[in-house]
Amino acid sequence: MALLAKVLVALSLGAAAAGEALTTTTTPMPGSCFPPELALDAETDGCSGVFPPSGTCMVQCKVGYTGAPTTYYCYVGDDVMEGVAPTCTSAVPQPKCKKFDPEVKARVPGAVVCSGKQQ
């Protein structure tokens, strides 16, 4: 077992040194549902180890986002949980746009592009 751990560490270090991304996955317990796949602005709470036919878990917006939490349901084991993702919006105010100076054909320092056009 110690040899296997050393081999895994060496492989991980080799991949990191080569600039490769390391990916980890979690296998659900046999008969349980897979946690839902979510957008980057949402997170699960208690969605691992949920069993059918009436298992549930909450999905909520991450810190920095606002929106009502939603419930996901586990109807069939070894399947993905079903539900509707929450609608999360950024709680951080968006920067205001500054005017574009067509004479200089450059943005004013700190200007932001809004709606695909410069203002």
PDB file of N, CA and C in Angstrom:
ATOM      1  N   MET A   1       0.816  -1.189   0.000  1.00  0.00           N
ATOM      2  CA  MET A   1       0.000   0.000   0.000  1.00  0.00           C
ATOM      3  C   MET A   1       0.865   1.261   0.000  1.00  0.00           C
ATOM      4  N   ALA A   2       1.964   1.249   0.745  1.00  0.00           N
ATOM      5  CA  ALA A   2       2.843   2.410   0.789  1.00  0.00           C
ATOM      6  C   ALA A   2       3.472   2.659  -0.571  1.00  0.00           C
ATOM      7  N   LEU A   3       3.801   1.587  -1.288  1.00  0.00           N
ATOM      8  CA  LEU A   3       4.378   1.725  -2.622  1.00  0.00           C
ATOM      9  C   LEU A   3       3.368   2.361  -3.569  1.00  0.00           C
ATOM     10  N   LEU A   4       2.104   1.943  -3.501  1.00  0.00           N
ATOM     11  CA  LEU A   4       1.058   2.518  -4.340  1.00  0.00           C
ATOM     12  C   LEU A   4       0.904   4.010  -4.060  1.00  0.00           C
ATOM     13  N   ALA A   5       0.934   4.404  -2.800  1.00  0.00           N
ATOM     14  CA  ALA A   5       0.823   5.821  -2.441  1.00  0.00           C
ATOM     15  C   ALA A   5       1.990   6.613  -3.014  1.00  0.00           C
ATOM     16  N   LYS A   6       3.203   6.050  -2.965  1.00  0.00           N
ATOM     17  CA  LYS A   6       4.370   6.732  -3.511  1.00  0.00           C
ATOM     18  C   LYS A   6       4.254   6.888  -5.021  1.00  0.00           C
ATOM     19  N   VAL A   7       3.739   5.864  -5.701  1.00  0.00           N
ATOM     20  CA  VAL A   7       3.566   5.931  -7.150  1.00  0.00           C
ATOM     21  C   VAL A   7       2.546   7.003  -7.503  1.00  0.00           C
ATOM     22  N   LEU A   8       1.433   7.062  -6.774  1.00  0.00           N
ATOM     23  CA  LEU A   8       0.407   8.070  -7.034  1.00  0.00           C
ATOM     24  C   LEU A   8       0.941   9.486  -6.811  1.00  0.00           C
ATOM     25  N   VAL A   9       1.716   9.676  -5.768  1.00  0.00           N
ATOM     26  CA  VAL A   9       2.303  10.993  -5.502  1.00  0.00           C
ATOM     27  C   VAL A   9       3.263  11.356  -6.624  1.00  0.00           C
ATOM     28  N   ALA A  10       4.085  10.420  -7.066  1.00  0.00           N
ATOM     29  CA  ALA A  10       5.038  10.684  -8.141  1.00  0.00           C
ATOM     30  C   ALA A  10       4.305  11.035  -9.433  1.00  0.00           C
ATOM     31  N   LEU A  11       3.236  10.324  -9.749  1.00  0.00           N
ATOM     32  CA  LEU A  11       2.454  10.628 -10.944  1.00  0.00           C
ATOM     33  C   LEU A  11       1.826  12.014 -10.849  1.00  0.00           C
ATOM     34  N   SER A  12       1.298  12.354  -9.690  1.00  0.00           N
ATOM     35  CA  SER A  12       0.689  13.668  -9.491  1.00  0.00           C
ATOM     36  C   SER A  12       1.714  14.775  -9.638  1.00  0.00           C
ATOM     37  N   LEU A  13       2.876  14.589  -9.030  1.00  0.00           N
ATOM     38  CA  LEU A  13       3.923  15.602  -9.122  1.00  0.00           C
ATOM     39  C   LEU A  13       4.419  15.737 -10.552  1.00  0.00           C
ATOM     40  N   GLY A  14       4.534  14.625 -11.261  1.00  0.00           N
ATOM     41  CA  GLY A  14       4.964  14.659 -12.654  1.00  0.00           C
ATOM     42  C   GLY A  14       3.974  15.403 -13.523  1.00  0.00           C
ATOM     43  N   ALA A  15       2.683  15.185 -13.324  1.00  0.00           N
ATOM     44  CA  ALA A  15       1.655  15.874 -14.102  1.00  0.00           C
ATOM     45  C   ALA A  15       1.663  17.365 -13.785  1.00  0.00           C
ATOM     46  N   ALA A  16       1.829  17.710 -12.509  1.00  0.00           N
ATOM     47  CA  ALA A  16       1.857  19.121 -12.128  1.00  0.00           C
ATOM     48  C   ALA A  16       3.083  19.807 -12.718  1.00  0.00           C
ATOM     49  N   ALA A  17       4.221  19.128 -12.717  1.00  0.00           N
ATOM     50  CA  ALA A  17       5.443  19.709 -13.271  1.00  0.00           C
ATOM     51  C   ALA A  17       5.323  19.894 -14.772  1.00  0.00           C
ATOM     52  N   ALA A  18       4.567  19.032 -15.432  1.00  0.00           N
ATOM     53  CA  ALA A  18       4.388  19.128 -16.878  1.00  0.00           C
ATOM     54  C   ALA A  18       3.327  20.163 -17.246  1.00  0.00           C
ATOM     55  N   GLY A  19       2.723  20.782 -16.253  1.00  0.00           N
ATOM     56  CA  GLY A  19       1.722  21.807 -16.504  1.00  0.00           C
ATOM     57  C   GLY A  19       0.344  21.247 -16.787  1.00  0.00           C
ATOM     58  N   GLU A  20       0.129  19.973 -16.500  1.00  0.00           N
ATOM     59  CA  GLU A  20      -1.166  19.357 -16.725  1.00  0.00           C
ATOM     60  C   GLU A  20      -2.066  19.608 -15.525  1.00  0.00           C
ATOM     61  N   ALA A  21      -3.342  19.807 -15.786  1.00  0.00           N
ATOM     62  CA  ALA A  21      -4.304  20.002 -14.710  1.00  0.00           C
ATOM     63  C   ALA A  21      -4.629  18.651 -14.078  1.00  0.00           C
ATOM     64  N   LEU A  22      -4.760  18.644 -12.779  1.00  0.00           N
ATOM     65  CA  LEU A  22      -5.158  17.439 -12.076  1.00  0.00           C
ATOM     66  C   LEU A  22      -6.658  17.512 -11.833  1.00  0.00           C
ATOM     67  N   THR A  23      -7.348  16.418 -12.072  1.00  0.00           N
ATOM     68  CA  THR A  23      -8.786  16.369 -11.882  1.00  0.00           C
ATOM     69  C   THR A  23      -9.096  15.302 -10.852  1.00  0.00           C
ATOM     70  N   THR A  24      -9.987  15.629  -9.931  1.00  0.00           N
ATOM     71  CA  THR A  24     -10.430  14.636  -8.971  1.00  0.00           C
ATOM     72  C   THR A  24     -11.913  14.381  -9.204  1.00  0.00           C
ATOM     73  N   THR A  25     -12.328  13.157  -8.998  1.00  0.00           N
ATOM     74  CA  THR A  25     -13.725  12.805  -9.137  1.00  0.00           C
ATOM     75  C   THR A  25     -14.163  12.065  -7.892  1.00  0.00           C
ATOM     76  N   THR A  26     -15.450  12.083  -7.648  1.00  0.00           N
ATOM     77  CA  THR A  26     -16.004  11.378  -6.511  1.00  0.00           C
ATOM     78  C   THR A  26     -17.005  10.363  -7.024  1.00  0.00           C
ATOM     79  N   THR A  27     -16.878   9.130  -6.606  1.00  0.00           N
ATOM     80  CA  THR A  27     -17.819   8.088  -6.980  1.00  0.00           C
ATOM     81  C   THR A  27     -18.864   7.988  -5.878  1.00  0.00           C
ATOM     82  N   PRO A  28     -20.146   8.120  -6.250  1.00  0.00           N
ATOM     83  CA  PRO A  28     -21.180   8.026  -5.218  1.00  0.00           C
ATOM     84  C   PRO A  28     -21.279   6.610  -4.656  1.00  0.00           C
ATOM     85  N   MET A  29     -21.845   6.502  -3.472  1.00  0.00           N
ATOM     86  CA  MET A  29     -22.055   5.193  -2.864  1.00  0.00           C
ATOM     87  C   MET A  29     -22.997   4.386  -3.755  1.00  0.00           C
ATOM     88  N   PRO A  30     -22.780   3.083  -3.852  1.00  0.00           N
ATOM     89  CA  PRO A  30     -23.655   2.255  -4.684  1.00  0.00           C
ATOM     90  C   PRO A  30     -25.124   2.433  -4.312  1.00  0.00           C
ATOM     91  N   GLY A  31     -25.946   2.663  -5.335  1.00  0.00           N
ATOM     92  CA  GLY A  31     -27.383   2.836  -5.130  1.00  0.00           C
ATOM     93  C   GLY A  31     -27.806   4.260  -4.863  1.00  0.00           C
ATOM     94  N   SER A  32     -26.848   5.155  -4.598  1.00  0.00           N
ATOM     95  CA  SER A  32     -27.201   6.559  -4.346  1.00  0.00           C
ATOM     96  C   SER A  32     -27.196   7.331  -5.659  1.00  0.00           C
ATOM     97  N   CYS A  33     -27.701   8.550  -5.613  1.00  0.00           N
ATOM     98  CA  CYS A  33     -27.734   9.403  -6.805  1.00  0.00           C
ATOM     99  C   CYS A  33     -26.448  10.196  -6.935  1.00  0.00           C
ATOM    100  N   PHE A  34     -26.107  10.524  -8.182  1.00  0.00           N
ATOM    101  CA  PHE A  34     -24.979  11.415  -8.429  1.00  0.00           C
ATOM    102  C   PHE A  34     -25.406  12.827  -8.044  1.00  0.00           C
ATOM    103  N   PRO A  35     -24.540  13.617  -7.396  1.00  0.00           N
ATOM    104  CA  PRO A  35     -24.875  15.010  -7.095  1.00  0.00           C
ATOM    105  C   PRO A  35     -25.144  15.771  -8.395  1.00  0.00           C
ATOM    106  N   PRO A  36     -25.972  16.814  -8.342  1.00  0.00           N
ATOM    107  CA  PRO A  36     -26.266  17.569  -9.564  1.00  0.00           C
ATOM    108  C   PRO A  36     -25.044  18.319 -10.082  1.00  0.00           C
ATOM    109  N   GLU A  37     -25.005  18.501 -11.401  1.00  0.00           N
ATOM    110  CA  GLU A  37     -23.962  19.313 -12.024  1.00  0.00           C
ATOM    111  C   GLU A  37     -24.494  20.734 -12.086  1.00  0.00           C
ATOM    112  N   LEU A  38     -23.701  21.674 -11.586  1.00  0.00           N
ATOM    113  CA  LEU A  38     -24.179  23.044 -11.420  1.00  0.00           C
ATOM    114  C   LEU A  38     -23.281  24.051 -12.121  1.00  0.00           C
ATOM    115  N   ALA A  39     -23.820  25.241 -12.333  1.00  0.00           N
ATOM    116  CA  ALA A  39     -23.032  26.359 -12.844  1.00  0.00           C
ATOM    117  C   ALA A  39     -22.051  26.784 -11.748  1.00  0.00           C
ATOM    118  N   LEU A  40     -21.091  27.607 -12.113  1.00  0.00           N
ATOM    119  CA  LEU A  40     -20.054  28.032 -11.166  1.00  0.00           C
ATOM    120  C   LEU A  40     -20.586  28.916 -10.043  1.00  0.00           C
ATOM    121  N   ASP A  41     -21.786  29.486 -10.207  1.00  0.00           N
ATOM    122  CA  ASP A  41     -22.310  30.394  -9.194  1.00  0.00           C
ATOM    123  C   ASP A  41     -23.179  29.698  -8.148  1.00  0.00           C
ATOM    124  N   ALA A  42     -23.313  28.363  -8.224  1.00  0.00           N
ATOM    125  CA  ALA A  42     -24.164  27.626  -7.280  1.00  0.00           C
ATOM    126  C   ALA A  42     -23.363  26.513  -6.614  1.00  0.00           C
ATOM    127  N   GLU A  43     -23.864  26.049  -5.465  1.00  0.00           N
ATOM    128  CA  GLU A  43     -23.214  24.964  -4.743  1.00  0.00           C
ATOM    129  C   GLU A  43     -24.263  24.092  -4.069  1.00  0.00           C
ATOM    130  N   THR A  44     -23.864  22.860  -3.787  1.00  0.00           N
ATOM    131  CA  THR A  44     -24.794  21.931  -3.160  1.00  0.00           C
ATOM    132  C   THR A  44     -24.584  21.902  -1.656  1.00  0.00           C
ATOM    133  N   ASP A  45     -25.621  21.455  -0.978  1.00  0.00           N
ATOM    134  CA  ASP A  45     -25.552  21.284   0.468  1.00  0.00           C
ATOM    135  C   ASP A  45     -26.166  19.918   0.777  1.00  0.00           C
ATOM    136  N   GLY A  46     -25.325  18.938   1.041  1.00  0.00           N
ATOM    137  CA  GLY A  46     -25.813  17.615   1.401  1.00  0.00           C
ATOM    138  C   GLY A  46     -26.303  16.797   0.226  1.00  0.00           C
ATOM    139  N   CYS A  47     -25.687  16.939  -0.946  1.00  0.00           N
ATOM    140  CA  CYS A  47     -26.126  16.198  -2.135  1.00  0.00           C
ATOM    141  C   CYS A  47     -25.320  14.939  -2.392  1.00  0.00           C
ATOM    142  N   SER A  48     -24.445  14.559  -1.491  1.00  0.00           N
ATOM    143  CA  SER A  48     -23.691  13.308  -1.647  1.00  0.00           C
ATOM    144  C   SER A  48     -24.294  12.267  -0.720  1.00  0.00           C
ATOM    145  N   GLY A  49     -24.373  11.041  -1.202  1.00  0.00           N
ATOM    146  CA  GLY A  49     -24.916   9.963  -0.377  1.00  0.00           C
ATOM    147  C   GLY A  49     -26.420  10.039  -0.211  1.00  0.00           C
ATOM    148  N   VAL A  50     -27.123  10.579  -1.206  1.00  0.00           N
ATOM    149  CA  VAL A  50     -28.584  10.687  -1.160  1.00  0.00           C
ATOM    150  C   VAL A  50     -29.174   9.483  -1.892  1.00  0.00           C
ATOM    151  N   PHE A  51     -30.149   8.824  -1.279  1.00  0.00           N
ATOM    152  CA  PHE A  51     -30.723   7.600  -1.833  1.00  0.00           C
ATOM    153  C   PHE A  51     -32.177   7.788  -2.253  1.00  0.00           C
ATOM    154  N   PRO A  52     -32.568   7.024  -3.296  1.00  0.00           N
ATOM    155  CA  PRO A  52     -33.958   7.047  -3.741  1.00  0.00           C
ATOM    156  C   PRO A  52     -34.830   6.261  -2.754  1.00  0.00           C
ATOM    157  N   PRO A  53     -36.112   6.362  -2.807  1.00  0.00           N
ATOM    158  CA  PRO A  53     -36.865   7.094  -3.821  1.00  0.00           C
ATOM    159  C   PRO A  53     -37.232   8.516  -3.413  1.00  0.00           C
ATOM    160  N   SER A  54     -36.938   8.890  -2.167  1.00  0.00           N
ATOM    161  CA  SER A  54     -37.405  10.210  -1.720  1.00  0.00           C
ATOM    162  C   SER A  54     -36.285  11.092  -1.180  1.00  0.00           C
ATOM    163  N   GLY A  55     -35.049  10.831  -1.584  1.00  0.00           N
ATOM    164  CA  GLY A  55     -33.926  11.638  -1.113  1.00  0.00           C
ATOM    165  C   GLY A  55     -33.933  13.022  -1.754  1.00  0.00           C
ATOM    166  N   THR A  56     -33.540  14.021  -0.997  1.00  0.00           N
ATOM    167  CA  THR A  56     -33.480  15.397  -1.505  1.00  0.00           C
ATOM    168  C   THR A  56     -32.212  16.082  -1.008  1.00  0.00           C
ATOM    169  N   CYS A  57     -31.874  17.189  -1.645  1.00  0.00           N
ATOM    170  CA  CYS A  57     -30.798  18.053  -1.157  1.00  0.00           C
ATOM    171  C   CYS A  57     -31.066  19.472  -1.640  1.00  0.00           C
ATOM    172  N   MET A  58     -30.410  20.420  -1.005  1.00  0.00           N
ATOM    173  CA  MET A  58     -30.588  21.833  -1.350  1.00  0.00           C
ATOM    174  C   MET A  58     -29.426  22.299  -2.232  1.00  0.00           C
ATOM    175  N   VAL A  59     -29.762  23.162  -3.191  1.00  0.00           N
ATOM    176  CA  VAL A  59     -28.764  23.814  -4.029  1.00  0.00           C
ATOM    177  C   VAL A  59     -28.959  25.303  -3.818  1.00  0.00           C
ATOM    178  N   GLN A  60     -27.878  26.010  -3.538  1.00  0.00           N
ATOM    179  CA  GLN A  60     -27.972  27.436  -3.237  1.00  0.00           C
ATOM    180  C   GLN A  60     -26.905  28.214  -3.996  1.00  0.00           C
ATOM    181  N   CYS A  61     -27.066  29.521  -4.013  1.00  0.00           N
ATOM    182  CA  CYS A  61     -26.086  30.388  -4.663  1.00  0.00           C
ATOM    183  C   CYS A  61     -24.847  30.498  -3.777  1.00  0.00           C
ATOM    184  N   LYS A  62     -23.688  30.548  -4.412  1.00  0.00           N
ATOM    185  CA  LYS A  62     -22.445  30.707  -3.666  1.00  0.00           C
ATOM    186  C   LYS A  62     -22.364  32.097  -3.051  1.00  0.00           C
ATOM    187  N   VAL A  63     -21.441  32.252  -2.120  1.00  0.00           N
ATOM    188  CA  VAL A  63     -21.189  33.557  -1.506  1.00  0.00           C
ATOM    189  C   VAL A  63     -20.827  34.539  -2.616  1.00  0.00           C
ATOM    190  N   GLY A  64     -21.403  35.734  -2.577  1.00  0.00           N
ATOM    191  CA  GLY A  64     -21.168  36.740  -3.607  1.00  0.00           C
ATOM    192  C   GLY A  64     -22.275  36.763  -4.646  1.00  0.00           C
ATOM    193  N   TYR A  65     -23.225  35.816  -4.532  1.00  0.00           N
ATOM    194  CA  TYR A  65     -24.367  35.744  -5.447  1.00  0.00           C
ATOM    195  C   TYR A  65     -25.648  35.693  -4.633  1.00  0.00           C
ATOM    196  N   THR A  66     -26.739  36.151  -5.220  1.00  0.00           N
ATOM    197  CA  THR A  66     -28.034  36.092  -4.547  1.00  0.00           C
ATOM    198  C   THR A  66     -29.007  35.299  -5.402  1.00  0.00           C
ATOM    199  N   GLY A  67     -29.959  34.678  -4.746  1.00  0.00           N
ATOM    200  CA  GLY A  67     -30.988  33.890  -5.417  1.00  0.00           C
ATOM    201  C   GLY A  67     -31.590  32.896  -4.447  1.00  0.00           C
ATOM    202  N   ALA A  68     -32.811  32.478  -4.729  1.00  0.00           N
ATOM    203  CA  ALA A  68     -33.512  31.544  -3.846  1.00  0.00           C
ATOM    204  C   ALA A  68     -32.955  30.129  -4.022  1.00  0.00           C
ATOM    205  N   PRO A  69     -32.753  29.408  -2.914  1.00  0.00           N
ATOM    206  CA  PRO A  69     -32.285  28.031  -3.013  1.00  0.00           C
ATOM    207  C   PRO A  69     -33.367  27.145  -3.643  1.00  0.00           C
ATOM    208  N   THR A  70     -32.942  26.027  -4.221  1.00  0.00           N
ATOM    209  CA  THR A  70     -33.869  25.083  -4.828  1.00  0.00           C
ATOM    210  C   THR A  70     -33.595  23.683  -4.295  1.00  0.00           C
ATOM    211  N   THR A  71     -34.549  22.791  -4.502  1.00  0.00           N
ATOM    212  CA  THR A  71     -34.431  21.415  -4.034  1.00  0.00           C
ATOM    213  C   THR A  71     -34.218  20.487  -5.227  1.00  0.00           C
ATOM    214  N   TYR A  72     -33.287  19.550  -5.075  1.00  0.00           N
ATOM    215  CA  TYR A  72     -33.064  18.500  -6.065  1.00  0.00           C
ATOM    216  C   TYR A  72     -33.538  17.186  -5.460  1.00  0.00           C
ATOM    217  N   TYR A  73     -34.008  16.272  -6.325  1.00  0.00           N
ATOM    218  CA  TYR A  73     -34.621  15.029  -5.884  1.00  0.00           C
ATOM    219  C   TYR A  73     -33.889  13.817  -6.452  1.00  0.00           C
ATOM    220  N   CYS A  74     -33.798  12.774  -5.628  1.00  0.00           N
ATOM    221  CA  CYS A  74     -33.185  11.504  -6.034  1.00  0.00           C
ATOM    222  C   CYS A  74     -34.318  10.489  -6.188  1.00  0.00           C
ATOM    223  N   TYR A  75     -34.700  10.221  -7.441  1.00  0.00           N
ATOM    224  CA  TYR A  75     -35.785   9.283  -7.707  1.00  0.00           C
ATOM    225  C   TYR A  75     -35.277   7.879  -8.017  1.00  0.00           C
ATOM    226  N   VAL A  76     -34.124   7.790  -8.728  1.00  0.00           N
ATOM    227  CA  VAL A  76     -33.590   6.506  -9.174  1.00  0.00           C
ATOM    228  C   VAL A  76     -32.106   6.435  -8.802  1.00  0.00           C
ATOM    229  N   GLY A  77     -31.716   5.363  -8.133  1.00  0.00           N
ATOM    230  CA  GLY A  77     -30.323   5.199  -7.746  1.00  0.00           C
ATOM    231  C   GLY A  77     -29.394   5.089  -8.946  1.00  0.00           C
ATOM    232  N   ASP A  78     -28.145   5.471  -8.762  1.00  0.00           N
ATOM    233  CA  ASP A  78     -27.125   5.460  -9.812  1.00  0.00           C
ATOM    234  C   ASP A  78     -27.474   6.388 -10.969  1.00  0.00           C
ATOM    235  N   ASP A  79     -28.281   7.402 -10.712  1.00  0.00           N
ATOM    236  CA  ASP A  79     -28.661   8.394 -11.721  1.00  0.00           C
ATOM    237  C   ASP A  79     -28.392   9.786 -11.132  1.00  0.00           C
ATOM    238  N   VAL A  80     -28.434  10.793 -11.978  1.00  0.00           N
ATOM    239  CA  VAL A  80     -28.211  12.171 -11.523  1.00  0.00           C
ATOM    240  C   VAL A  80     -29.487  12.690 -10.861  1.00  0.00           C
ATOM    241  N   MET A  81     -29.327  13.461  -9.815  1.00  0.00           N
ATOM    242  CA  MET A  81     -30.481  14.057  -9.139  1.00  0.00           C
ATOM    243  C   MET A  81     -31.188  15.022 -10.083  1.00  0.00           C
ATOM    244  N   GLU A  82     -32.493  15.159  -9.898  1.00  0.00           N
ATOM    245  CA  GLU A  82     -33.301  16.011 -10.756  1.00  0.00           C
ATOM    246  C   GLU A  82     -33.736  17.258 -10.003  1.00  0.00           C
ATOM    247  N   GLY A  83     -33.772  18.375 -10.719  1.00  0.00           N
ATOM    248  CA  GLY A  83     -34.220  19.628 -10.132  1.00  0.00           C
ATOM    249  C   GLY A  83     -33.889  20.786 -11.048  1.00  0.00           C
ATOM    250  N   VAL A  84     -34.291  21.967 -10.630  1.00  0.00           N
ATOM    251  CA  VAL A  84     -34.036  23.194 -11.388  1.00  0.00           C
ATOM    252  C   VAL A  84     -33.016  24.016 -10.611  1.00  0.00           C
ATOM    253  N   ALA A  85     -31.951  24.391 -11.291  1.00  0.00           N
ATOM    254  CA  ALA A  85     -30.892  25.171 -10.633  1.00  0.00           C
ATOM    255  C   ALA A  85     -31.414  26.534 -10.204  1.00  0.00           C
ATOM    256  N   PRO A  86     -30.889  27.065  -9.111  1.00  0.00           N
ATOM    257  CA  PRO A  86     -31.302  28.407  -8.709  1.00  0.00           C
ATOM    258  C   PRO A  86     -30.806  29.449  -9.712  1.00  0.00           C
ATOM    259  N   THR A  87     -31.543  30.533  -9.801  1.00  0.00           N
ATOM    260  CA  THR A  87     -31.113  31.654 -10.635  1.00  0.00           C
ATOM    261  C   THR A  87     -30.274  32.562  -9.749  1.00  0.00           C
ATOM    262  N   CYS A  88     -28.975  32.559  -9.973  1.00  0.00           N
ATOM    263  CA  CYS A  88     -28.047  33.317  -9.130  1.00  0.00           C
ATOM    264  C   CYS A  88     -27.559  34.546  -9.878  1.00  0.00           C
ATOM    265  N   THR A  89     -27.578  35.680  -9.197  1.00  0.00           N
ATOM    266  CA  THR A  89     -27.058  36.916  -9.785  1.00  0.00           C
ATOM    267  C   THR A  89     -25.970  37.459  -8.875  1.00  0.00           C
ATOM    268  N   SER A  90     -25.003  38.107  -9.476  1.00  0.00           N
ATOM    269  CA  SER A  90     -23.881  38.640  -8.719  1.00  0.00           C
ATOM    270  C   SER A  90     -24.359  39.717  -7.753  1.00  0.00           C
ATOM    271  N   ALA A  91     -23.881  39.613  -6.522  1.00  0.00           N
ATOM    272  CA  ALA A  91     -24.216  40.616  -5.516  1.00  0.00           C
ATOM    273  C   ALA A  91     -23.230  41.780  -5.555  1.00  0.00           C
ATOM    274  N   VAL A  92     -22.185  41.661  -6.389  1.00  0.00           N
ATOM    275  CA  VAL A  92     -21.164  42.697  -6.518  1.00  0.00           C
ATOM    276  C   VAL A  92     -21.617  43.681  -7.590  1.00  0.00           C
ATOM    277  N   PRO A  93     -21.686  44.966  -7.281  1.00  0.00           N
ATOM    278  CA  PRO A  93     -22.111  45.927  -8.296  1.00  0.00           C
ATOM    279  C   PRO A  93     -21.164  45.942  -9.486  1.00  0.00           C
ATOM    280  N   GLN A  94     -21.728  46.052 -10.684  1.00  0.00           N
ATOM    281  CA  GLN A  94     -20.935  46.097 -11.900  1.00  0.00           C
ATOM    282  C   GLN A  94     -20.335  47.492 -12.074  1.00  0.00           C
ATOM    283  N   PRO A  95     -19.118  47.579 -12.623  1.00  0.00           N
ATOM    284  CA  PRO A  95     -18.503  48.900 -12.816  1.00  0.00           C
ATOM    285  C   PRO A  95     -19.287  49.723 -13.834  1.00  0.00           C
ATOM    286  N   LYS A  96     -19.272  51.028 -13.630  1.00  0.00           N
ATOM    287  CA  LYS A  96     -19.954  51.929 -14.564  1.00  0.00           C
ATOM    288  C   LYS A  96     -19.073  52.162 -15.778  1.00  0.00           C
ATOM    289  N   CYS A  97     -19.721  52.371 -16.902  1.00  0.00           N
ATOM    290  CA  CYS A  97     -18.990  52.604 -18.146  1.00  0.00           C
ATOM    291  C   CYS A  97     -18.543  54.060 -18.228  1.00  0.00           C
ATOM    292  N   LYS A  98     -17.399  54.238 -18.859  1.00  0.00           N
ATOM    293  CA  LYS A  98     -16.914  55.586 -19.135  1.00  0.00           C
ATOM    294  C   LYS A  98     -16.991  55.813 -20.629  1.00  0.00           C
ATOM    295  N   LYS A  99     -16.968  57.023 -21.029  1.00  0.00           N
ATOM    296  CA  LYS A  99     -17.136  57.361 -22.441  1.00  0.00           C
ATOM    297  C   LYS A  99     -15.921  56.979 -23.274  1.00  0.00           C
ATOM    298  N   PHE A 100     -16.179  56.663 -24.537  1.00  0.00           N
ATOM    299  CA  PHE A 100     -15.152  56.348 -25.514  1.00  0.00           C
ATOM    300  C   PHE A 100     -14.822  57.637 -26.264  1.00  0.00           C
ATOM    301  N   ASP A 101     -13.542  57.966 -26.403  1.00  0.00           N
ATOM    302  CA  ASP A 101     -13.121  59.190 -27.100  1.00  0.00           C
ATOM    303  C   ASP A 101     -12.782  58.842 -28.546  1.00  0.00           C
ATOM    304  N   PRO A 102     -13.700  59.098 -29.509  1.00  0.00           N
ATOM    305  CA  PRO A 102     -13.450  58.716 -30.893  1.00  0.00           C
ATOM    306  C   PRO A 102     -12.298  59.482 -31.527  1.00  0.00           C
ATOM    307  N   GLU A 103     -11.964  60.654 -31.012  1.00  0.00           N
ATOM    308  CA  GLU A 103     -10.865  61.439 -31.568  1.00  0.00           C
ATOM    309  C   GLU A 103      -9.536  60.725 -31.364  1.00  0.00           C
ATOM    310  N   VAL A 104      -9.348  60.161 -30.219  1.00  0.00           N
ATOM    311  CA  VAL A 104      -8.097  59.497 -29.892  1.00  0.00           C
ATOM    312  C   VAL A 104      -8.174  58.002 -30.261  1.00  0.00           C
ATOM    313  N   LYS A 105      -9.376  57.541 -30.483  1.00  0.00           N
ATOM    314  CA  LYS A 105      -9.642  56.142 -30.808  1.00  0.00           C
ATOM    315  C   LYS A 105      -9.081  55.203 -29.735  1.00  0.00           C
ATOM    316  N   ALA A 106      -9.257  55.595 -28.533  1.00  0.00           N
ATOM    317  CA  ALA A 106      -8.826  54.760 -27.414  1.00  0.00           C
ATOM    318  C   ALA A 106      -9.806  54.976 -26.272  1.00  0.00           C
ATOM    319  N   ARG A 107      -9.887  54.002 -25.449  1.00  0.00           N
ATOM    320  CA  ARG A 107     -10.752  54.152 -24.290  1.00  0.00           C
ATOM    321  C   ARG A 107     -10.104  55.061 -23.268  1.00  0.00           C
ATOM    322  N   VAL A 108     -10.928  55.770 -22.561  1.00  0.00           N
ATOM    323  CA  VAL A 108     -10.468  56.580 -21.430  1.00  0.00           C
ATOM    324  C   VAL A 108      -9.922  55.580 -20.397  1.00  0.00           C
ATOM    325  N   PRO A 109      -8.819  55.897 -19.720  1.00  0.00           N
ATOM    326  CA  PRO A 109      -8.263  54.956 -18.744  1.00  0.00           C
ATOM    327  C   PRO A 109      -9.333  54.452 -17.771  1.00  0.00           C
ATOM    328  N   GLY A 110      -9.394  53.149 -17.634  1.00  0.00           N
ATOM    329  CA  GLY A 110     -10.360  52.544 -16.729  1.00  0.00           C
ATOM    330  C   GLY A 110     -11.721  52.330 -17.353  1.00  0.00           C
ATOM    331  N   ALA A 111     -11.895  52.619 -18.634  1.00  0.00           N
ATOM    332  CA  ALA A 111     -13.189  52.463 -19.268  1.00  0.00           C
ATOM    333  C   ALA A 111     -13.557  50.974 -19.340  1.00  0.00           C
ATOM    334  N   VAL A 112     -14.830  50.710 -19.376  1.00  0.00           N
ATOM    335  CA  VAL A 112     -15.350  49.356 -19.436  1.00  0.00           C
ATOM    336  C   VAL A 112     -16.240  49.238 -20.656  1.00  0.00           C
ATOM    337  N   VAL A 113     -16.166  48.122 -21.362  1.00  0.00           N
ATOM    338  CA  VAL A 113     -17.031  47.903 -22.511  1.00  0.00           C
ATOM    339  C   VAL A 113     -18.387  47.441 -21.987  1.00  0.00           C
ATOM    340  N   CYS A 114     -19.445  48.110 -22.416  1.00  0.00           N
ATOM    341  CA  CYS A 114     -20.789  47.774 -21.962  1.00  0.00           C
ATOM    342  C   CYS A 114     -21.625  47.312 -23.136  1.00  0.00           C
ATOM    343  N   SER A 115     -22.357  46.244 -22.977  1.00  0.00           N
ATOM    344  CA  SER A 115     -23.280  45.721 -23.983  1.00  0.00           C
ATOM    345  C   SER A 115     -22.618  45.587 -25.339  1.00  0.00           C
ATOM    346  N   GLY A 116     -21.354  45.248 -25.382  1.00  0.00           N
ATOM    347  CA  GLY A 116     -20.685  45.000 -26.641  1.00  0.00           C
ATOM    348  C   GLY A 116     -20.238  46.245 -27.382  1.00  0.00           C
ATOM    349  N   LYS A 117     -20.529  47.411 -26.877  1.00  0.00           N
ATOM    350  CA  LYS A 117     -20.065  48.622 -27.530  1.00  0.00           C
ATOM    351  C   LYS A 117     -19.451  49.552 -26.493  1.00  0.00           C
ATOM    352  N   GLN A 118     -18.572  50.400 -26.924  1.00  0.00           N
ATOM    353  CA  GLN A 118     -17.917  51.323 -25.984  1.00  0.00           C
ATOM    354  C   GLN A 118     -18.736  52.589 -25.888  1.00  0.00           C
ATOM    355  N   GLN A 119     -18.867  53.069 -24.675  1.00  0.00           N
ATOM    356  CA  GLN A 119     -19.676  54.267 -24.440  1.00  0.00           C
ATOM    357  C   GLN A 119     -18.814  55.384 -23.909  1.00  0.00           C
TER     358      GLN A 119
END
